[in-house]
Amino acid sequence: MMSIASLVTALILVAVAQLNFKLFVMNRSIISLVLMLACFALAQLGFFVALLELQVGVVYMSTALTHGLVMLFAKYVLQEQVTRHHVGSLAVIVTGLVIYAA
């Protein structure tokens, strides 16, 4: 159970890091840069803990979910538009994960 919690935490941290990277590019804020680096580093620790109990394929394939998390965070934090292309690409990702899991 700890491995699943650390995997979910790592996925959220990667999404937050990518969001901070976008903020850094837009504003050149050093705080966003430091937060981005910290989130990426902490996410790696979460992935390592998850790999103690989960298979590499499960952890690797679950990283595809970060695209959806980044899309949701960008919509609600940065007020960005979510287009049909975004939703379609997320549907392809989720379909691939379902096929892999079967």
C-alpha atoms as a PDB file:
ATOM      1  CA  MET A   1       0.000   0.000   0.000  1.00  0.00           C
ATOM      2  CA  MET A   2       2.909   2.327   0.736  1.00  0.00           C
ATOM      3  CA  SER A   3       4.207   1.769  -2.779  1.00  0.00           C
ATOM      4  CA  ILE A   4       0.936   2.873  -4.389  1.00  0.00           C
ATOM      5  CA  ALA A   5       0.803   5.967  -2.189  1.00  0.00           C
ATOM      6  CA  SER A   6       4.384   6.851  -3.079  1.00  0.00           C
ATOM      7  CA  LEU A   7       3.651   6.289  -6.781  1.00  0.00           C
ATOM      8  CA  VAL A   8       0.624   8.598  -6.694  1.00  0.00           C
ATOM      9  CA  THR A   9       2.623  11.177  -4.744  1.00  0.00           C
ATOM     10  CA  ALA A  10       5.453  10.976  -7.271  1.00  0.00           C
ATOM     11  CA  LEU A  11       3.045  11.418 -10.186  1.00  0.00           C
ATOM     12  CA  ILE A  12       1.522  14.496  -8.549  1.00  0.00           C
ATOM     13  CA  LEU A  13       4.985  15.892  -7.822  1.00  0.00           C
ATOM     14  CA  VAL A  14       6.000  15.479 -11.473  1.00  0.00           C
ATOM     15  CA  ALA A  15       2.851  17.293 -12.589  1.00  0.00           C
ATOM     16  CA  VAL A  16       3.497  20.117 -10.107  1.00  0.00           C
ATOM     17  CA  ALA A  17       7.110  20.307 -11.300  1.00  0.00           C
ATOM     18  CA  GLN A  18       6.000  20.630 -14.923  1.00  0.00           C
ATOM     19  CA  LEU A  19       3.532  23.308 -13.947  1.00  0.00           C
ATOM     20  CA  ASN A  20       6.296  25.206 -12.129  1.00  0.00           C
ATOM     21  CA  PHE A  21       8.509  24.844 -15.195  1.00  0.00           C
ATOM     22  CA  LYS A  22       5.822  26.513 -17.264  1.00  0.00           C
ATOM     23  CA  LEU A  23       5.523  29.284 -14.671  1.00  0.00           C
ATOM     24  CA  PHE A  24       9.292  29.720 -14.730  1.00  0.00           C
ATOM     25  CA  VAL A  25       9.327  30.053 -18.518  1.00  0.00           C
ATOM     26  CA  MET A  26       6.459  32.553 -18.433  1.00  0.00           C
ATOM     27  CA  ASN A  27       7.675  34.698 -15.513  1.00  0.00           C
ATOM     28  CA  ARG A  28      11.374  33.862 -15.017  1.00  0.00           C
ATOM     29  CA  SER A  29      10.619  33.408 -11.326  1.00  0.00           C
ATOM     30  CA  ILE A  30      13.447  31.836  -9.343  1.00  0.00           C
ATOM     31  CA  ILE A  31      10.902  30.472  -6.865  1.00  0.00           C
ATOM     32  CA  SER A  32       9.240  28.484  -9.653  1.00  0.00           C
ATOM     33  CA  LEU A  33      12.628  27.162 -10.723  1.00  0.00           C
ATOM     34  CA  VAL A  34      13.529  26.028  -7.207  1.00  0.00           C
ATOM     35  CA  LEU A  35      10.096  24.449  -6.679  1.00  0.00           C
ATOM     36  CA  MET A  36      10.381  22.672 -10.016  1.00  0.00           C
ATOM     37  CA  LEU A  37      13.758  21.170  -9.155  1.00  0.00           C
ATOM     38  CA  ALA A  38      12.620  20.175  -5.670  1.00  0.00           C
ATOM     39  CA  CYS A  39       9.460  18.500  -6.978  1.00  0.00           C
ATOM     40  CA  PHE A  40      11.380  16.576  -9.642  1.00  0.00           C
ATOM     41  CA  ALA A  41      13.920  15.397  -7.045  1.00  0.00           C
ATOM     42  CA  LEU A  42      11.257  14.333  -4.545  1.00  0.00           C
ATOM     43  CA  ALA A  43       9.324  12.571  -7.296  1.00  0.00           C
ATOM     44  CA  GLN A  44      12.343  10.384  -8.029  1.00  0.00           C
ATOM     45  CA  LEU A  45      12.394   9.278  -4.408  1.00  0.00           C
ATOM     46  CA  GLY A  46       8.706   8.408  -4.679  1.00  0.00           C
ATOM     47  CA  PHE A  47       9.345   6.341  -7.801  1.00  0.00           C
ATOM     48  CA  PHE A  48      12.184   4.477  -6.073  1.00  0.00           C
ATOM     49  CA  VAL A  49       9.959   3.630  -3.103  1.00  0.00           C
ATOM     50  CA  ALA A  50       7.207   2.479  -5.470  1.00  0.00           C
ATOM     51  CA  LEU A  51       9.674   0.221  -7.272  1.00  0.00           C
ATOM     52  CA  LEU A  52      10.382  -1.631  -4.029  1.00  0.00           C
ATOM     53  CA  GLU A  53       7.013  -3.405  -4.315  1.00  0.00           C
ATOM     54  CA  LEU A  54       5.625  -2.691  -7.785  1.00  0.00           C
ATOM     55  CA  GLN A  55       6.859  -3.974 -11.124  1.00  0.00           C
ATOM     56  CA  VAL A  56       8.905  -1.660 -13.313  1.00  0.00           C
ATOM     57  CA  GLY A  57       6.319  -1.865 -16.096  1.00  0.00           C
ATOM     58  CA  VAL A  58       3.529  -0.677 -13.811  1.00  0.00           C
ATOM     59  CA  VAL A  59       5.522   2.283 -12.546  1.00  0.00           C
ATOM     60  CA  TYR A  60       6.781   3.159 -16.016  1.00  0.00           C
ATOM     61  CA  MET A  61       3.345   3.000 -17.636  1.00  0.00           C
ATOM     62  CA  SER A  62       1.753   5.006 -14.831  1.00  0.00           C
ATOM     63  CA  THR A  63       4.033   7.940 -15.618  1.00  0.00           C
ATOM     64  CA  ALA A  64       1.870   8.497 -18.703  1.00  0.00           C
ATOM     65  CA  LEU A  65      -0.841   9.749 -16.349  1.00  0.00           C
ATOM     66  CA  THR A  66       1.210  12.863 -15.616  1.00  0.00           C
ATOM     67  CA  HIS A  67       0.030  14.307 -18.942  1.00  0.00           C
ATOM     68  CA  GLY A  68      -3.535  14.237 -17.681  1.00  0.00           C
ATOM     69  CA  LEU A  69      -2.554  15.673 -14.314  1.00  0.00           C
ATOM     70  CA  VAL A  70      -0.642  18.507 -15.962  1.00  0.00           C
ATOM     71  CA  MET A  71      -3.655  19.222 -18.167  1.00  0.00           C
ATOM     72  CA  LEU A  72      -5.959  19.395 -15.126  1.00  0.00           C
ATOM     73  CA  PHE A  73      -3.543  21.512 -13.099  1.00  0.00           C
ATOM     74  CA  ALA A  74      -3.028  23.905 -16.026  1.00  0.00           C
ATOM     75  CA  LYS A  75      -6.788  24.241 -16.436  1.00  0.00           C
ATOM     76  CA  TYR A  76      -7.520  24.982 -12.795  1.00  0.00           C
ATOM     77  CA  VAL A  77      -4.323  26.746 -11.708  1.00  0.00           C
ATOM     78  CA  LEU A  78      -3.373  28.676 -14.849  1.00  0.00           C
ATOM     79  CA  GLN A  79      -6.921  28.956 -16.257  1.00  0.00           C
ATOM     80  CA  GLU A  80      -5.815  27.419 -19.580  1.00  0.00           C
ATOM     81  CA  GLN A  81      -8.286  26.055 -22.088  1.00  0.00           C
ATOM     82  CA  VAL A  82      -8.654  22.302 -22.537  1.00  0.00           C
ATOM     83  CA  THR A  83      -9.348  21.538 -26.184  1.00  0.00           C
ATOM     84  CA  ARG A  84     -10.731  18.477 -27.917  1.00  0.00           C
ATOM     85  CA  HIS A  85      -7.177  17.561 -28.865  1.00  0.00           C
ATOM     86  CA  HIS A  86      -6.146  17.491 -25.210  1.00  0.00           C
ATOM     87  CA  VAL A  87      -9.085  15.292 -24.266  1.00  0.00           C
ATOM     88  CA  GLY A  88      -8.503  13.032 -27.268  1.00  0.00           C
ATOM     89  CA  SER A  89      -4.837  12.558 -26.451  1.00  0.00           C
ATOM     90  CA  LEU A  90      -5.705  11.785 -22.848  1.00  0.00           C
ATOM     91  CA  ALA A  91      -8.246   9.202 -24.061  1.00  0.00           C
ATOM     92  CA  VAL A  92      -5.528   7.541 -26.154  1.00  0.00           C
ATOM     93  CA  ILE A  93      -3.210   7.430 -23.133  1.00  0.00           C
ATOM     94  CA  VAL A  94      -5.856   5.937 -20.854  1.00  0.00           C
ATOM     95  CA  THR A  95      -6.822   3.405 -23.544  1.00  0.00           C
ATOM     96  CA  GLY A  96      -3.201   2.340 -23.842  1.00  0.00           C
ATOM     97  CA  LEU A  97      -2.938   1.905 -20.082  1.00  0.00           C
ATOM     98  CA  VAL A  98      -6.116  -0.170 -19.986  1.00  0.00           C
ATOM     99  CA  ILE A  99      -4.834  -2.386 -22.813  1.00  0.00           C
ATOM    100  CA  TYR A 100      -1.500  -2.789 -21.035  1.00  0.00           C
ATOM    101  CA  ALA A 101      -3.216  -3.713 -17.779  1.00  0.00           C
ATOM    102  CA  ALA A 102      -5.429  -6.372 -19.417  1.00  0.00           C
END
